Amino acid sequence: MAKKAPIRVIVINPKNETITEQTVTPTFQEYYKIMECEIIEAARPPLAGGHFLWVDENGWAKPAHELHTFIMKGYQSSLVGTAIMVRGTAGQAECNLTLDYVKSIVKFT
C-alpha cells in the first residue's frame, strides 16, 4: 500500500483556545493522536468546497471538567474537544481555507 502524502489541516483546540495549521498524514491514527481521542465522526459545517470537521464522537460523554467547547458559524450547538478541518468526501484532502477565515467563524465557549 502506498504511503499517503501529507496534507494541510486546521486544528481547532478549545482547551488551549488555539486555531493552528498543521501538516499531517491523513490517517485516522494521526487524527486520534492530535485530537487525543479514540473514535471520531464527521461534522459537516456549511462551508464551501467540501470542508468539514472531524470531531471526538464521545466528546460529550467526558467528565464536565474535561469539556472544552467551541461554536462555529452555521452550527446550532456547541462542538466539544479538539477538531480537525479537512476537505473531501473521505476527509483526506487538504484544507484550503485560510487560517484567518476559520478564526473569524469560531468562538471558544
Protein backbone atom coordinates (compact mmCIF):
# COMPACT_ATOMS: atom_id res chain seq x y z
CA MET A 1 0.00 0.00 0.00
CA ALA A 2 1.35 3.40 -0.97
CA LYS A 3 2.05 5.87 1.81
CA LYS A 4 -0.37 8.78 1.89
CA ALA A 5 1.02 12.21 1.12
CA PRO A 6 0.85 14.76 3.97
CA ILE A 7 -1.91 17.36 3.81
CA ARG A 8 -2.58 20.75 5.41
CA VAL A 9 -5.30 20.71 8.07
CA ILE A 10 -6.61 23.29 10.52
CA VAL A 11 -6.73 22.20 14.16
CA ILE A 12 -9.25 23.85 16.48
CA ASN A 13 -8.23 23.28 20.11
CA PRO A 14 -10.76 24.69 22.59
CA LYS A 15 -8.75 23.54 25.62
CA ASN A 16 -5.89 25.87 24.66
CA GLU A 17 -8.16 28.22 22.68
CA THR A 18 -5.95 27.96 19.61
CA ILE A 19 -6.57 27.53 15.90
CA THR A 20 -3.47 26.38 14.01
CA GLU A 21 -2.31 24.89 10.74
CA GLN A 22 -0.58 21.52 10.72
CA THR A 23 0.77 19.22 8.05
CA VAL A 24 -0.25 15.64 8.77
CA THR A 25 -0.59 12.26 7.14
CA PRO A 26 -4.36 11.87 6.57
CA THR A 27 -4.99 8.73 8.62
CA PHE A 28 -7.36 8.07 11.49
CA GLN A 29 -4.41 7.10 13.68
CA GLU A 30 -2.83 10.53 13.10
CA TYR A 31 -6.12 12.30 13.77
CA TYR A 32 -6.64 10.31 17.01
CA LYS A 33 -3.23 11.44 18.28
CA ILE A 34 -3.87 15.10 17.52
CA MET A 35 -7.38 15.01 18.96
CA GLU A 36 -6.46 12.82 21.96
CA CYS A 37 -9.43 10.53 21.44
CA GLU A 38 -10.23 7.02 20.25
CA ILE A 39 -13.15 7.48 17.87
CA ILE A 40 -14.08 10.36 15.58
CA GLU A 41 -17.05 11.35 13.47
CA ALA A 42 -17.60 13.81 10.68
CA ALA A 43 -19.41 17.05 11.43
CA ARG A 44 -20.10 18.89 8.22
CA PRO A 45 -20.27 22.68 8.61
CA PRO A 46 -21.90 24.64 5.82
CA LEU A 47 -18.62 25.66 4.23
CA ALA A 48 -17.87 25.84 0.53
CA GLY A 49 -15.51 23.45 -1.13
CA GLY A 50 -16.48 20.29 0.74
CA HIS A 51 -14.82 21.23 4.04
CA PHE A 52 -15.87 19.59 7.28
CA LEU A 53 -14.63 18.79 10.77
CA TRP A 54 -13.52 15.57 12.36
CA VAL A 55 -14.73 15.71 15.98
CA ASP A 56 -14.49 13.42 19.03
CA GLU A 57 -17.54 11.15 18.78
CA ASN A 58 -17.54 10.63 22.55
CA GLY A 59 -16.73 14.22 23.45
CA TRP A 60 -19.95 14.97 25.32
CA ALA A 61 -19.55 11.78 27.42
CA LYS A 62 -16.41 13.10 29.12
CA PRO A 63 -16.45 14.42 32.72
CA ALA A 64 -17.55 18.06 33.00
CA HIS A 65 -14.04 19.30 33.85
CA GLU A 66 -12.81 17.86 30.52
CA LEU A 67 -15.46 19.52 28.34
CA HIS A 68 -13.81 22.22 26.24
CA THR A 69 -16.19 23.60 23.65
CA PHE A 70 -16.49 25.98 20.74
CA ILE A 71 -19.15 27.17 18.37
CA MET A 72 -18.76 27.60 14.65
CA LYS A 73 -20.81 29.89 12.46
CA GLY A 74 -23.58 27.86 10.87
CA TYR A 75 -23.95 25.36 13.72
CA GLN A 76 -26.87 25.39 16.13
CA SER A 77 -24.97 23.82 19.02
CA SER A 78 -21.51 23.71 20.52
CA LEU A 79 -18.83 21.25 19.46
CA VAL A 80 -16.64 19.63 22.09
CA GLY A 81 -12.95 18.77 22.07
CA THR A 82 -10.23 19.29 19.51
CA ALA A 83 -11.45 19.24 15.91
CA ILE A 84 -9.61 18.87 12.62
CA MET A 85 -10.84 20.68 9.50
CA VAL A 86 -10.28 18.82 6.24
CA ARG A 87 -11.89 18.57 2.81
CA GLY A 88 -13.23 15.83 0.56
CA THR A 89 -15.71 13.01 0.90
CA ALA A 90 -13.32 10.91 2.99
CA GLY A 91 -11.68 13.84 4.74
CA GLN A 92 -8.33 13.15 3.16
CA ALA A 93 -7.97 16.27 1.05
CA GLU A 94 -6.08 19.34 2.14
CA CYS A 95 -8.00 22.18 3.80
CA ASN A 96 -7.65 25.23 1.59
CA LEU A 97 -9.48 27.76 3.79
CA THR A 98 -7.32 30.49 5.27
CA LEU A 99 -6.45 30.42 8.93
CA ASP A 100 -7.86 33.93 9.33
CA TYR A 101 -11.19 32.86 7.84
CA VAL A 102 -11.51 29.89 10.20
CA LYS A 103 -10.60 32.12 13.16
CA SER A 104 -13.38 34.50 12.11
CA ILE A 105 -16.08 31.78 12.25
CA VAL A 106 -15.02 30.05 15.51
CA LYS A 107 -15.74 31.23 19.03
CA PHE A 108 -14.49 29.41 22.12
CA THR A 109 -17.13 28.91 24.82
